[in-house]
Amino acid sequence: MGIKIAVMVSGGGTNMQAVIDEIEKGNINGSVEIVISSRDNVFSLKRAENHDIESVCIGKNGFPDLEKRTEEIIRVLEKKEIELVVLAGYMSLIDKRIIEKYPNKIINIHPSLIPSFCGRGFYGAKVHEAVLNYGVKITGATVHFVDEGTDTGPIILQEAVEVKQDDTAETLAARVLEVEHKLLPKAVKLFCEGRLHIEGRKVIIKEAEGSLKEG
């Protein structure tokens, strides 16, 4: 059966699609049991429908009270017996009750090399605009476990992307997104294989043959 996965989204869902594709190829020992969107009428919900995956919208419109919204999310996760929560472009805050209930079982993708250009206010195009304004030569993408901070959890995977002199936020975002589409499914695969071990702030990736490698 594999690991039961919930994907939480707020937009188009290309990162979610990358995970679904790898599952359908047989490369990930898991299944997406539910897609939870914070917004109505986003293409992520259509993607779920296209793959016969159940979806639900639990956002501020239907649940303006954070406590009730959190309770509904937890209810859905429990009903589906979820073992891994994947944040794939989820633009709402995750309440600490969810984090406490699923410690080291929530992963997120962020479009920079954490700890640079992350934290409150750094999301979407704002990340890439900040990268260009600062003038760094390298950015990238990071997959990390979610803790009670913002982009502060242990790092699972990272990959660098060169910043070109003629980049715009849009061109840079497109190249970073290509890396995101590789890293997120890889991190999900490693989790589903039980190969991620946390020691303090470090995520140790166990090789298939039994040796250890730091993430």
N, C-alpha and C. Protein backbone atom coordinates (compact mmCIF):
# COMPACT_ATOMS: atom_id res chain seq x y z
N MET A 1 0.82 -1.21 0.00
CA MET A 1 0.00 0.00 0.00
C MET A 1 0.86 1.26 0.00
N GLY A 2 1.92 1.26 0.79
CA GLY A 2 2.79 2.41 0.85
C GLY A 2 2.29 3.48 1.80
N ILE A 3 3.02 4.58 1.85
CA ILE A 3 2.72 5.68 2.76
C ILE A 3 1.52 6.47 2.24
N LYS A 4 0.61 6.81 3.16
CA LYS A 4 -0.56 7.61 2.79
C LYS A 4 -0.22 9.09 2.90
N ILE A 5 -0.37 9.79 1.78
CA ILE A 5 0.09 11.17 1.66
C ILE A 5 -1.08 12.13 1.48
N ALA A 6 -0.99 13.29 2.14
CA ALA A 6 -1.89 14.41 1.87
C ALA A 6 -1.05 15.52 1.27
N VAL A 7 -1.56 16.15 0.21
CA VAL A 7 -0.87 17.29 -0.38
C VAL A 7 -1.71 18.54 -0.14
N MET A 8 -1.08 19.57 0.38
CA MET A 8 -1.77 20.82 0.66
C MET A 8 -1.29 21.88 -0.32
N VAL A 9 -2.24 22.57 -0.96
CA VAL A 9 -1.94 23.46 -2.07
C VAL A 9 -2.74 24.77 -1.96
N SER A 10 -2.30 25.74 -2.77
CA SER A 10 -3.05 26.99 -2.86
C SER A 10 -3.16 27.51 -4.28
N GLY A 11 -2.49 26.86 -5.23
CA GLY A 11 -2.45 27.40 -6.58
C GLY A 11 -2.53 26.34 -7.66
N GLY A 12 -1.65 26.48 -8.65
CA GLY A 12 -1.70 25.62 -9.83
C GLY A 12 -1.29 24.18 -9.62
N GLY A 13 -0.40 23.95 -8.66
CA GLY A 13 -0.09 22.59 -8.28
C GLY A 13 0.91 21.85 -9.14
N THR A 14 1.89 22.56 -9.74
CA THR A 14 2.87 21.85 -10.57
C THR A 14 3.78 20.96 -9.72
N ASN A 15 4.11 21.39 -8.51
CA ASN A 15 4.90 20.53 -7.64
C ASN A 15 4.12 19.29 -7.22
N MET A 16 2.84 19.46 -6.95
CA MET A 16 1.99 18.32 -6.65
C MET A 16 1.96 17.36 -7.83
N GLN A 17 1.86 17.91 -9.03
CA GLN A 17 1.83 17.08 -10.23
C GLN A 17 3.11 16.27 -10.37
N ALA A 18 4.24 16.89 -10.03
CA ALA A 18 5.52 16.18 -10.11
C ALA A 18 5.54 14.97 -9.18
N VAL A 19 4.95 15.13 -7.99
CA VAL A 19 4.88 14.01 -7.03
C VAL A 19 3.94 12.93 -7.55
N ILE A 20 2.77 13.33 -8.04
CA ILE A 20 1.81 12.36 -8.58
C ILE A 20 2.41 11.56 -9.73
N ASP A 21 3.14 12.25 -10.61
CA ASP A 21 3.75 11.58 -11.76
C ASP A 21 4.72 10.50 -11.33
N GLU A 22 5.53 10.80 -10.31
CA GLU A 22 6.51 9.81 -9.84
C GLU A 22 5.83 8.64 -9.13
N ILE A 23 4.74 8.92 -8.46
CA ILE A 23 3.97 7.83 -7.83
C ILE A 23 3.41 6.92 -8.91
N GLU A 24 2.84 7.51 -9.95
CA GLU A 24 2.22 6.72 -11.02
C GLU A 24 3.26 5.93 -11.84
N LYS A 25 4.49 6.41 -11.84
CA LYS A 25 5.57 5.67 -12.50
C LYS A 25 6.09 4.52 -11.63
N GLY A 26 5.64 4.47 -10.38
CA GLY A 26 6.09 3.43 -9.47
C GLY A 26 7.39 3.76 -8.76
N ASN A 27 7.80 5.03 -8.80
CA ASN A 27 9.06 5.43 -8.20
C ASN A 27 8.93 5.84 -6.74
N ILE A 28 7.72 6.05 -6.27
CA ILE A 28 7.48 6.43 -4.88
C ILE A 28 6.53 5.42 -4.25
N ASN A 29 6.94 4.87 -3.09
CA ASN A 29 6.13 3.88 -2.40
C ASN A 29 5.09 4.58 -1.52
N GLY A 30 4.14 5.24 -2.18
CA GLY A 30 3.11 5.97 -1.46
C GLY A 30 1.96 6.30 -2.38
N SER A 31 0.93 6.89 -1.81
CA SER A 31 -0.24 7.28 -2.60
C SER A 31 -0.81 8.57 -2.04
N VAL A 32 -1.23 9.47 -2.93
CA VAL A 32 -1.88 10.70 -2.50
C VAL A 32 -3.34 10.37 -2.21
N GLU A 33 -3.72 10.42 -0.94
CA GLU A 33 -5.06 10.06 -0.52
C GLU A 33 -6.02 11.25 -0.53
N ILE A 34 -5.46 12.45 -0.38
CA ILE A 34 -6.31 13.64 -0.31
C ILE A 34 -5.50 14.87 -0.71
N VAL A 35 -6.13 15.76 -1.44
CA VAL A 35 -5.56 17.07 -1.74
C VAL A 35 -6.39 18.11 -0.99
N ILE A 36 -5.72 18.92 -0.18
CA ILE A 36 -6.38 19.97 0.59
C ILE A 36 -5.95 21.32 0.05
N SER A 37 -6.90 22.09 -0.43
CA SER A 37 -6.59 23.41 -0.97
C SER A 37 -7.10 24.50 -0.04
N SER A 38 -6.33 25.57 0.06
CA SER A 38 -6.76 26.72 0.87
C SER A 38 -7.64 27.67 0.07
N ARG A 39 -7.76 27.41 -1.25
CA ARG A 39 -8.53 28.31 -2.12
C ARG A 39 -9.40 27.50 -3.07
N ASP A 40 -10.56 28.09 -3.39
CA ASP A 40 -11.46 27.49 -4.38
C ASP A 40 -10.95 27.77 -5.79
N ASN A 41 -11.39 26.97 -6.72
CA ASN A 41 -11.18 27.24 -8.14
C ASN A 41 -9.72 27.38 -8.55
N VAL A 42 -8.82 26.64 -7.90
CA VAL A 42 -7.42 26.61 -8.35
C VAL A 42 -7.20 25.34 -9.16
N PHE A 43 -6.21 25.36 -10.03
CA PHE A 43 -6.02 24.25 -10.95
C PHE A 43 -5.56 22.98 -10.24
N SER A 44 -5.01 23.14 -9.05
CA SER A 44 -4.63 21.95 -8.28
C SER A 44 -5.82 21.00 -8.10
N LEU A 45 -7.00 21.57 -7.89
CA LEU A 45 -8.19 20.74 -7.68
C LEU A 45 -8.55 19.98 -8.95
N LYS A 46 -8.33 20.60 -10.11
CA LYS A 46 -8.56 19.92 -11.38
C LYS A 46 -7.53 18.82 -11.58
N ARG A 47 -6.30 19.06 -11.19
CA ARG A 47 -5.26 18.03 -11.29
C ARG A 47 -5.66 16.81 -10.46
N ALA A 48 -6.15 17.05 -9.26
CA ALA A 48 -6.58 15.94 -8.41
C ALA A 48 -7.70 15.15 -9.08
N GLU A 49 -8.66 15.88 -9.63
CA GLU A 49 -9.78 15.23 -10.33
C GLU A 49 -9.27 14.40 -11.51
N ASN A 50 -8.30 14.92 -12.23
CA ASN A 50 -7.76 14.21 -13.39
C ASN A 50 -7.12 12.88 -13.03
N HIS A 51 -6.69 12.77 -11.76
CA HIS A 51 -6.03 11.53 -11.31
C HIS A 51 -6.90 10.77 -10.31
N ASP A 52 -8.19 11.09 -10.28
CA ASP A 52 -9.13 10.40 -9.40
C ASP A 52 -8.71 10.45 -7.93
N ILE A 53 -8.18 11.60 -7.54
CA ILE A 53 -7.77 11.81 -6.15
C ILE A 53 -8.80 12.72 -5.48
N GLU A 54 -9.24 12.33 -4.31
CA GLU A 54 -10.22 13.14 -3.59
C GLU A 54 -9.60 14.48 -3.19
N SER A 55 -10.40 15.53 -3.25
CA SER A 55 -9.90 16.85 -2.86
C SER A 55 -10.95 17.58 -2.04
N VAL A 56 -10.49 18.57 -1.28
CA VAL A 56 -11.38 19.36 -0.46
C VAL A 56 -10.77 20.75 -0.29
N CYS A 57 -11.62 21.75 -0.22
CA CYS A 57 -11.16 23.12 0.03
C CYS A 57 -11.44 23.47 1.49
N ILE A 58 -10.37 23.77 2.21
CA ILE A 58 -10.50 24.20 3.61
C ILE A 58 -9.73 25.51 3.73
N GLY A 59 -10.43 26.62 3.48
CA GLY A 59 -9.78 27.92 3.47
C GLY A 59 -10.49 28.94 4.32
N LYS A 60 -10.02 30.17 4.20
CA LYS A 60 -10.57 31.25 5.01
C LYS A 60 -12.02 31.55 4.65
N ASN A 61 -12.40 31.33 3.40
CA ASN A 61 -13.77 31.62 2.98
C ASN A 61 -14.78 30.72 3.70
N GLY A 62 -14.51 29.42 3.71
CA GLY A 62 -15.42 28.49 4.35
C GLY A 62 -15.21 28.36 5.84
N PHE A 63 -13.95 28.63 6.27
CA PHE A 63 -13.60 28.49 7.69
C PHE A 63 -12.81 29.72 8.13
N PRO A 64 -13.48 30.86 8.31
CA PRO A 64 -12.77 32.09 8.67
C PRO A 64 -12.07 32.02 10.03
N ASP A 65 -12.58 31.18 10.92
CA ASP A 65 -11.96 31.02 12.24
C ASP A 65 -10.80 30.02 12.14
N LEU A 66 -9.59 30.44 12.52
CA LEU A 66 -8.41 29.58 12.40
C LEU A 66 -8.56 28.28 13.17
N GLU A 67 -9.14 28.37 14.36
CA GLU A 67 -9.28 27.17 15.19
C GLU A 67 -10.18 26.14 14.51
N LYS A 68 -11.29 26.59 13.97
CA LYS A 68 -12.20 25.66 13.29
C LYS A 68 -11.58 25.15 11.99
N ARG A 69 -10.83 26.01 11.31
CA ARG A 69 -10.15 25.58 10.09
C ARG A 69 -9.12 24.51 10.40
N THR A 70 -8.38 24.72 11.46
CA THR A 70 -7.37 23.73 11.87
C THR A 70 -8.03 22.41 12.26
N GLU A 71 -9.12 22.49 13.00
CA GLU A 71 -9.83 21.28 13.41
C GLU A 71 -10.32 20.49 12.20
N GLU A 72 -10.79 21.20 11.18
CA GLU A 72 -11.28 20.52 9.97
C GLU A 72 -10.13 19.86 9.21
N ILE A 73 -8.99 20.53 9.13
CA ILE A 73 -7.83 19.94 8.47
C ILE A 73 -7.41 18.67 9.20
N ILE A 74 -7.32 18.75 10.52
CA ILE A 74 -6.92 17.58 11.31
C ILE A 74 -7.94 16.45 11.15
N ARG A 75 -9.21 16.80 11.12
CA ARG A 75 -10.25 15.78 10.95
C ARG A 75 -10.07 15.03 9.63
N VAL A 76 -9.80 15.77 8.57
CA VAL A 76 -9.60 15.14 7.26
C VAL A 76 -8.35 14.28 7.25
N LEU A 77 -7.27 14.79 7.82
CA LEU A 77 -6.01 14.03 7.86
C LEU A 77 -6.19 12.73 8.66
N GLU A 78 -6.90 12.81 9.78
CA GLU A 78 -7.13 11.61 10.59
C GLU A 78 -8.02 10.62 9.86
N LYS A 79 -9.06 11.12 9.21
CA LYS A 79 -9.98 10.24 8.49
C LYS A 79 -9.25 9.45 7.41
N LYS A 80 -8.30 10.10 6.75
CA LYS A 80 -7.54 9.45 5.67
C LYS A 80 -6.31 8.70 6.19
N GLU A 81 -6.10 8.72 7.50
CA GLU A 81 -4.97 8.03 8.13
C GLU A 81 -3.64 8.45 7.49
N ILE A 82 -3.49 9.75 7.34
CA ILE A 82 -2.33 10.31 6.65
C ILE A 82 -1.05 10.12 7.46
N GLU A 83 0.00 9.74 6.75
CA GLU A 83 1.32 9.52 7.38
C GLU A 83 2.35 10.57 6.96
N LEU A 84 2.08 11.28 5.88
CA LEU A 84 2.98 12.33 5.40
C LEU A 84 2.16 13.46 4.81
N VAL A 85 2.46 14.70 5.23
CA VAL A 85 1.80 15.87 4.68
C VAL A 85 2.82 16.63 3.84
N VAL A 86 2.48 16.89 2.58
CA VAL A 86 3.37 17.60 1.68
C VAL A 86 2.77 18.97 1.36
N LEU A 87 3.50 20.02 1.69
CA LEU A 87 3.07 21.38 1.35
C LEU A 87 3.67 21.72 -0.01
N ALA A 88 2.82 21.84 -1.02
CA ALA A 88 3.28 22.07 -2.38
C ALA A 88 2.68 23.39 -2.89
N GLY A 89 3.30 24.50 -2.47
CA GLY A 89 2.73 25.80 -2.82
C GLY A 89 1.55 26.16 -1.95
N TYR A 90 1.60 25.76 -0.69
CA TYR A 90 0.53 26.07 0.26
C TYR A 90 0.84 27.42 0.90
N MET A 91 -0.03 28.41 0.70
CA MET A 91 0.26 29.78 1.08
C MET A 91 -0.35 30.22 2.40
N SER A 92 -0.92 29.29 3.15
CA SER A 92 -1.48 29.62 4.46
C SER A 92 -0.56 29.10 5.56
N LEU A 93 -0.67 29.71 6.72
CA LEU A 93 0.13 29.25 7.85
C LEU A 93 -0.40 27.91 8.37
N ILE A 94 0.51 27.07 8.80
CA ILE A 94 0.15 25.79 9.41
C ILE A 94 0.09 25.98 10.92
N ASP A 95 -1.07 25.75 11.51
CA ASP A 95 -1.23 25.92 12.94
C ASP A 95 -0.36 24.91 13.70
N LYS A 96 0.13 25.35 14.87
CA LYS A 96 1.05 24.51 15.63
C LYS A 96 0.42 23.19 16.06
N ARG A 97 -0.90 23.14 16.15
CA ARG A 97 -1.55 21.88 16.53
C ARG A 97 -1.35 20.82 15.46
N ILE A 98 -1.31 21.23 14.21
CA ILE A 98 -1.06 20.28 13.12
C ILE A 98 0.39 19.81 13.18
N ILE A 99 1.29 20.75 13.43
CA ILE A 99 2.72 20.41 13.50
C ILE A 99 2.98 19.47 14.67
N GLU A 100 2.34 19.73 15.79
CA GLU A 100 2.52 18.87 16.97
C GLU A 100 1.95 17.48 16.74
N LYS A 101 0.90 17.40 15.97
CA LYS A 101 0.27 16.10 15.70
C LYS A 101 1.07 15.29 14.69
N TYR A 102 1.78 15.98 13.79
CA TYR A 102 2.56 15.29 12.75
C TYR A 102 4.02 15.75 12.79
N PRO A 103 4.72 15.47 13.91
CA PRO A 103 6.11 15.91 14.02
C PRO A 103 7.00 15.19 13.02
N ASN A 104 7.80 15.97 12.29
CA ASN A 104 8.71 15.43 11.27
C ASN A 104 7.98 14.59 10.23
N LYS A 105 6.71 14.93 10.01
CA LYS A 105 5.91 14.25 8.98
C LYS A 105 5.26 15.26 8.04
N ILE A 106 5.74 16.51 8.10
CA ILE A 106 5.27 17.55 7.19
C ILE A 106 6.49 18.11 6.48
N ILE A 107 6.47 18.11 5.14
CA ILE A 107 7.59 18.67 4.40
C ILE A 107 7.11 19.78 3.48
N ASN A 108 8.01 20.73 3.22
CA ASN A 108 7.68 21.91 2.43
C ASN A 108 8.78 22.16 1.41
N ILE A 109 8.41 22.76 0.28
CA ILE A 109 9.37 23.16 -0.74
C ILE A 109 9.43 24.69 -0.74
N HIS A 110 10.65 25.23 -0.75
CA HIS A 110 10.83 26.69 -0.75
C HIS A 110 11.80 27.08 -1.86
N PRO A 111 11.49 28.17 -2.61
CA PRO A 111 12.29 28.52 -3.78
C PRO A 111 13.52 29.38 -3.51
N SER A 112 14.32 28.98 -2.53
CA SER A 112 15.63 29.60 -2.31
C SER A 112 16.48 28.61 -1.53
N LEU A 113 17.74 28.97 -1.33
CA LEU A 113 18.63 28.15 -0.52
C LEU A 113 18.53 28.62 0.93
N ILE A 114 17.66 28.00 1.68
CA ILE A 114 17.49 28.33 3.10
C ILE A 114 18.85 28.17 3.80
N PRO A 115 19.28 29.11 4.67
CA PRO A 115 18.49 30.14 5.34
C PRO A 115 18.44 31.50 4.63
N SER A 116 18.83 31.57 3.37
CA SER A 116 18.73 32.84 2.64
C SER A 116 17.34 33.02 2.04
N PHE A 117 16.84 34.24 2.06
CA PHE A 117 15.59 34.61 1.40
C PHE A 117 14.44 33.69 1.79
N CYS A 118 14.23 33.59 3.09
CA CYS A 118 13.15 32.75 3.61
C CYS A 118 12.56 33.41 4.84
N GLY A 119 11.53 32.80 5.38
CA GLY A 119 10.87 33.34 6.56
C GLY A 119 9.64 34.15 6.18
N ARG A 120 9.12 34.89 7.11
CA ARG A 120 7.88 35.65 6.89
C ARG A 120 8.07 36.67 5.76
N GLY A 121 7.10 36.69 4.86
CA GLY A 121 7.13 37.63 3.76
C GLY A 121 7.83 37.14 2.51
N PHE A 122 8.57 36.04 2.63
CA PHE A 122 9.28 35.49 1.48
C PHE A 122 8.48 34.33 0.90
N TYR A 123 7.70 34.63 -0.12
CA TYR A 123 6.94 33.59 -0.80
C TYR A 123 6.72 34.02 -2.25
N GLY A 124 6.54 33.02 -3.11
CA GLY A 124 6.25 33.29 -4.51
C GLY A 124 7.28 34.18 -5.17
N ALA A 125 6.82 35.12 -5.98
CA ALA A 125 7.70 36.00 -6.75
C ALA A 125 8.55 36.88 -5.84
N LYS A 126 8.08 37.14 -4.61
CA LYS A 126 8.83 38.00 -3.70
C LYS A 126 10.21 37.43 -3.39
N VAL A 127 10.31 36.11 -3.36
CA VAL A 127 11.60 35.47 -3.11
C VAL A 127 12.58 35.81 -4.23
N HIS A 128 12.15 35.63 -5.46
CA HIS A 128 13.03 35.84 -6.61
C HIS A 128 13.37 37.32 -6.80
N GLU A 129 12.43 38.18 -6.50
CA GLU A 129 12.70 39.63 -6.56
C GLU A 129 13.76 40.00 -5.54
N ALA A 130 13.68 39.42 -4.34
CA ALA A 130 14.67 39.71 -3.30
C ALA A 130 16.05 39.19 -3.70
N VAL A 131 16.09 38.03 -4.31
CA VAL A 131 17.35 37.45 -4.80
C VAL A 131 18.02 38.40 -5.80
N LEU A 132 17.23 38.87 -6.76
CA LEU A 132 17.78 39.76 -7.79
C LEU A 132 18.19 41.11 -7.20
N ASN A 133 17.40 41.64 -6.30
CA ASN A 133 17.72 42.93 -5.69
C ASN A 133 18.99 42.87 -4.86
N TYR A 134 19.23 41.73 -4.24
CA TYR A 134 20.42 41.60 -3.39
C TYR A 134 21.68 41.42 -4.23
N GLY A 135 21.50 40.82 -5.41
CA GLY A 135 22.65 40.64 -6.29
C GLY A 135 23.45 39.37 -6.07
N VAL A 136 22.86 38.37 -5.43
CA VAL A 136 23.59 37.11 -5.25
C VAL A 136 23.75 36.41 -6.59
N LYS A 137 24.74 35.55 -6.67
CA LYS A 137 25.05 34.85 -7.92
C LYS A 137 24.42 33.47 -7.99
N ILE A 138 23.99 32.97 -6.82
CA ILE A 138 23.41 31.62 -6.76
C ILE A 138 22.17 31.66 -5.87
N THR A 139 21.11 31.03 -6.34
CA THR A 139 19.94 30.78 -5.51
C THR A 139 19.64 29.29 -5.63
N GLY A 140 18.38 28.89 -5.49
CA GLY A 140 18.08 27.47 -5.61
C GLY A 140 16.76 27.10 -4.97
N ALA A 141 16.65 25.86 -4.56
CA ALA A 141 15.42 25.36 -3.93
C ALA A 141 15.79 24.48 -2.75
N THR A 142 14.89 24.43 -1.78
CA THR A 142 15.11 23.67 -0.55
C THR A 142 13.84 22.90 -0.18
N VAL A 143 14.02 21.64 0.17
CA VAL A 143 12.94 20.86 0.79
C VAL A 143 13.31 20.67 2.25
N HIS A 144 12.38 20.97 3.15
CA HIS A 144 12.68 20.87 4.57
C HIS A 144 11.48 20.35 5.35
N PHE A 145 11.76 19.82 6.52
CA PHE A 145 10.69 19.47 7.45
C PHE A 145 10.13 20.76 8.03
N VAL A 146 8.85 20.74 8.37
CA VAL A 146 8.17 21.91 8.91
C VAL A 146 8.15 21.84 10.43
N ASP A 147 8.61 22.93 11.05
CA ASP A 147 8.47 23.06 12.50
C ASP A 147 7.62 24.30 12.78
N GLU A 148 7.63 24.78 14.02
CA GLU A 148 6.74 25.89 14.38
C GLU A 148 7.22 27.24 13.87
N GLY A 149 8.44 27.31 13.36
CA GLY A 149 8.93 28.54 12.75
C GLY A 149 8.52 28.62 11.30
N THR A 150 8.96 29.67 10.61
CA THR A 150 8.68 29.83 9.18
C THR A 150 9.94 29.52 8.40
N ASP A 151 9.94 28.39 7.70
CA ASP A 151 11.10 27.93 6.92
C ASP A 151 12.31 27.65 7.80
N THR A 152 12.09 27.17 9.01
CA THR A 152 13.18 26.96 9.96
C THR A 152 13.45 25.49 10.27
N GLY A 153 12.67 24.57 9.71
CA GLY A 153 12.83 23.16 10.03
C GLY A 153 14.05 22.54 9.37
N PRO A 154 14.46 21.35 9.82
CA PRO A 154 15.63 20.66 9.28
C PRO A 154 15.56 20.48 7.76
N ILE A 155 16.68 20.73 7.11
CA ILE A 155 16.75 20.69 5.65
C ILE A 155 16.98 19.26 5.15
N ILE A 156 16.14 18.85 4.21
CA ILE A 156 16.25 17.50 3.63
C ILE A 156 17.12 17.52 2.38
N LEU A 157 16.78 18.38 1.42
CA LEU A 157 17.50 18.45 0.15
C LEU A 157 17.62 19.90 -0.30
N GLN A 158 18.72 20.21 -0.99
CA GLN A 158 18.89 21.52 -1.62
C GLN A 158 19.60 21.35 -2.95
N GLU A 159 19.32 22.27 -3.87
CA GLU A 159 20.06 22.31 -5.13
C GLU A 159 20.18 23.76 -5.57
N ALA A 160 21.36 24.11 -6.05
CA ALA A 160 21.65 25.49 -6.45
C ALA A 160 21.21 25.76 -7.88
N VAL A 161 20.88 27.03 -8.13
CA VAL A 161 20.53 27.52 -9.46
C VAL A 161 21.31 28.82 -9.69
N GLU A 162 22.00 28.91 -10.82
CA GLU A 162 22.76 30.12 -11.13
C GLU A 162 21.80 31.29 -11.41
N VAL A 163 22.17 32.46 -10.88
CA VAL A 163 21.44 33.68 -11.19
C VAL A 163 22.15 34.37 -12.35
N LYS A 164 21.47 34.53 -13.46
CA LYS A 164 22.07 35.14 -14.64
C LYS A 164 21.89 36.65 -14.63
N GLN A 165 22.80 37.35 -15.31
CA GLN A 165 22.81 38.82 -15.27
C GLN A 165 21.54 39.43 -15.86
N ASP A 166 20.95 38.73 -16.84
CA ASP A 166 19.76 39.29 -17.48
C ASP A 166 18.46 38.69 -16.94
N ASP A 167 18.55 38.00 -15.80
CA ASP A 167 17.35 37.38 -15.22
C ASP A 167 16.32 38.41 -14.80
N THR A 168 15.06 38.04 -14.98
CA THR A 168 13.95 38.72 -14.33
C THR A 168 13.43 37.77 -13.26
N ALA A 169 12.53 38.25 -12.43
CA ALA A 169 11.93 37.37 -11.43
C ALA A 169 11.24 36.18 -12.10
N GLU A 170 10.65 36.43 -13.26
CA GLU A 170 9.92 35.37 -13.98
C GLU A 170 10.86 34.32 -14.55
N THR A 171 11.95 34.75 -15.19
CA THR A 171 12.87 33.78 -15.79
C THR A 171 13.58 32.98 -14.71
N LEU A 172 13.95 33.65 -13.62
CA LEU A 172 14.61 32.95 -12.52
C LEU A 172 13.66 31.96 -11.87
N ALA A 173 12.43 32.38 -11.65
CA ALA A 173 11.44 31.50 -11.03
C ALA A 173 11.23 30.23 -11.86
N ALA A 174 11.24 30.38 -13.19
CA ALA A 174 11.02 29.22 -14.06
C ALA A 174 12.13 28.20 -13.91
N ARG A 175 13.38 28.65 -13.80
CA ARG A 175 14.50 27.71 -13.65
C ARG A 175 14.53 27.08 -12.26
N VAL A 176 14.19 27.87 -11.26
CA VAL A 176 14.11 27.32 -9.90
C VAL A 176 12.99 26.28 -9.82
N LEU A 177 11.88 26.55 -10.49
CA LEU A 177 10.75 25.62 -10.46
C LEU A 177 11.13 24.27 -11.05
N GLU A 178 11.95 24.26 -12.08
CA GLU A 178 12.41 22.99 -12.65
C GLU A 178 13.14 22.16 -11.60
N VAL A 179 13.93 22.82 -10.78
CA VAL A 179 14.65 22.12 -9.70
C VAL A 179 13.67 21.65 -8.63
N GLU A 180 12.69 22.49 -8.30
CA GLU A 180 11.67 22.08 -7.33
C GLU A 180 10.99 20.80 -7.76
N HIS A 181 10.71 20.70 -9.06
CA HIS A 181 10.01 19.51 -9.58
C HIS A 181 10.84 18.24 -9.44
N LYS A 182 12.15 18.39 -9.30
CA LYS A 182 13.02 17.23 -9.05
C LYS A 182 13.14 16.94 -7.56
N LEU A 183 13.35 18.00 -6.78
CA LEU A 183 13.66 17.82 -5.36
C LEU A 183 12.49 17.31 -4.54
N LEU A 184 11.29 17.86 -4.77
CA LEU A 184 10.17 17.47 -3.93
C LEU A 184 9.82 15.99 -4.07
N PRO A 185 9.67 15.46 -5.30
CA PRO A 185 9.40 14.02 -5.41
C PRO A 185 10.52 13.17 -4.81
N LYS A 186 11.78 13.63 -4.96
CA LYS A 186 12.90 12.87 -4.38
C LYS A 186 12.79 12.81 -2.87
N ALA A 187 12.44 13.94 -2.24
CA ALA A 187 12.29 13.96 -0.79
C ALA A 187 11.14 13.08 -0.34
N VAL A 188 10.04 13.11 -1.07
CA VAL A 188 8.89 12.25 -0.75
C VAL A 188 9.29 10.78 -0.88
N LYS A 189 10.03 10.47 -1.91
CA LYS A 189 10.50 9.09 -2.12
C LYS A 189 11.35 8.63 -0.94
N LEU A 190 12.29 9.47 -0.52
CA LEU A 190 13.16 9.13 0.60
C LEU A 190 12.37 8.92 1.88
N PHE A 191 11.39 9.78 2.13
CA PHE A 191 10.55 9.64 3.32
C PHE A 191 9.79 8.32 3.27
N CYS A 192 9.20 8.03 2.13
CA CYS A 192 8.39 6.81 2.01
C CYS A 192 9.22 5.55 2.13
N GLU A 193 10.51 5.66 1.86
CA GLU A 193 11.41 4.52 2.01
C GLU A 193 12.02 4.45 3.41
N GLY A 194 11.64 5.38 4.28
CA GLY A 194 12.15 5.38 5.64
C GLY A 194 13.63 5.70 5.73
N ARG A 195 14.12 6.52 4.80
CA ARG A 195 15.55 6.78 4.72
C ARG A 195 15.97 8.13 5.30
N LEU A 196 15.05 8.85 5.92
CA LEU A 196 15.37 10.15 6.50
C LEU A 196 15.43 10.05 8.02
N HIS A 197 16.56 10.45 8.58
CA HIS A 197 16.76 10.38 10.03
C HIS A 197 17.25 11.75 10.51
N ILE A 198 16.57 12.30 11.52
CA ILE A 198 16.91 13.63 12.01
C ILE A 198 17.78 13.54 13.26
N GLU A 199 18.90 14.24 13.21
CA GLU A 199 19.79 14.37 14.36
C GLU A 199 20.01 15.85 14.61
N GLY A 200 19.29 16.39 15.60
CA GLY A 200 19.37 17.83 15.84
C GLY A 200 18.80 18.59 14.66
N ARG A 201 19.62 19.45 14.04
CA ARG A 201 19.19 20.19 12.87
C ARG A 201 19.52 19.46 11.58
N LYS A 202 20.24 18.38 11.67
CA LYS A 202 20.67 17.68 10.45
C LYS A 202 19.72 16.56 10.07
N VAL A 203 19.48 16.43 8.77
CA VAL A 203 18.74 15.28 8.25
C VAL A 203 19.76 14.35 7.61
N ILE A 204 19.86 13.16 8.15
CA ILE A 204 20.77 12.13 7.63
C ILE A 204 19.98 11.25 6.67
N ILE A 205 20.51 11.10 5.46
CA ILE A 205 19.87 10.26 4.45
C ILE A 205 20.56 8.91 4.42
N LYS A 206 19.82 7.88 4.79
CA LYS A 206 20.38 6.52 4.79
C LYS A 206 20.37 5.99 3.37
N GLU A 207 21.52 5.53 2.92
CA GLU A 207 21.61 4.93 1.59
C GLU A 207 20.93 3.57 1.60
N ALA A 208 20.50 3.11 0.47
CA ALA A 208 19.78 1.84 0.36
C ALA A 208 20.61 0.69 0.88
N GLU A 209 21.95 0.77 0.68
CA GLU A 209 22.80 -0.34 1.11
C GLU A 209 23.18 -0.25 2.58
N GLY A 210 22.76 0.83 3.27
CA GLY A 210 22.97 0.89 4.70
C GLY A 210 23.96 1.94 5.15
N SER A 211 24.71 2.56 4.24
CA SER A 211 25.63 3.62 4.63
C SER A 211 24.84 4.90 4.86
N LEU A 212 25.47 5.88 5.47
CA LEU A 212 24.78 7.13 5.81
C LEU A 212 25.36 8.30 5.03
N LYS A 213 24.50 9.23 4.67
CA LYS A 213 24.92 10.44 3.98
C LYS A 213 24.13 11.60 4.54
N GLU A 214 24.81 12.70 4.82
CA GLU A 214 24.14 13.89 5.35
C GLU A 214 23.36 14.57 4.25
N GLY A 215 22.13 15.06 4.59
CA GLY A 215 21.34 15.82 3.67
C GLY A 215 21.69 17.29 3.74
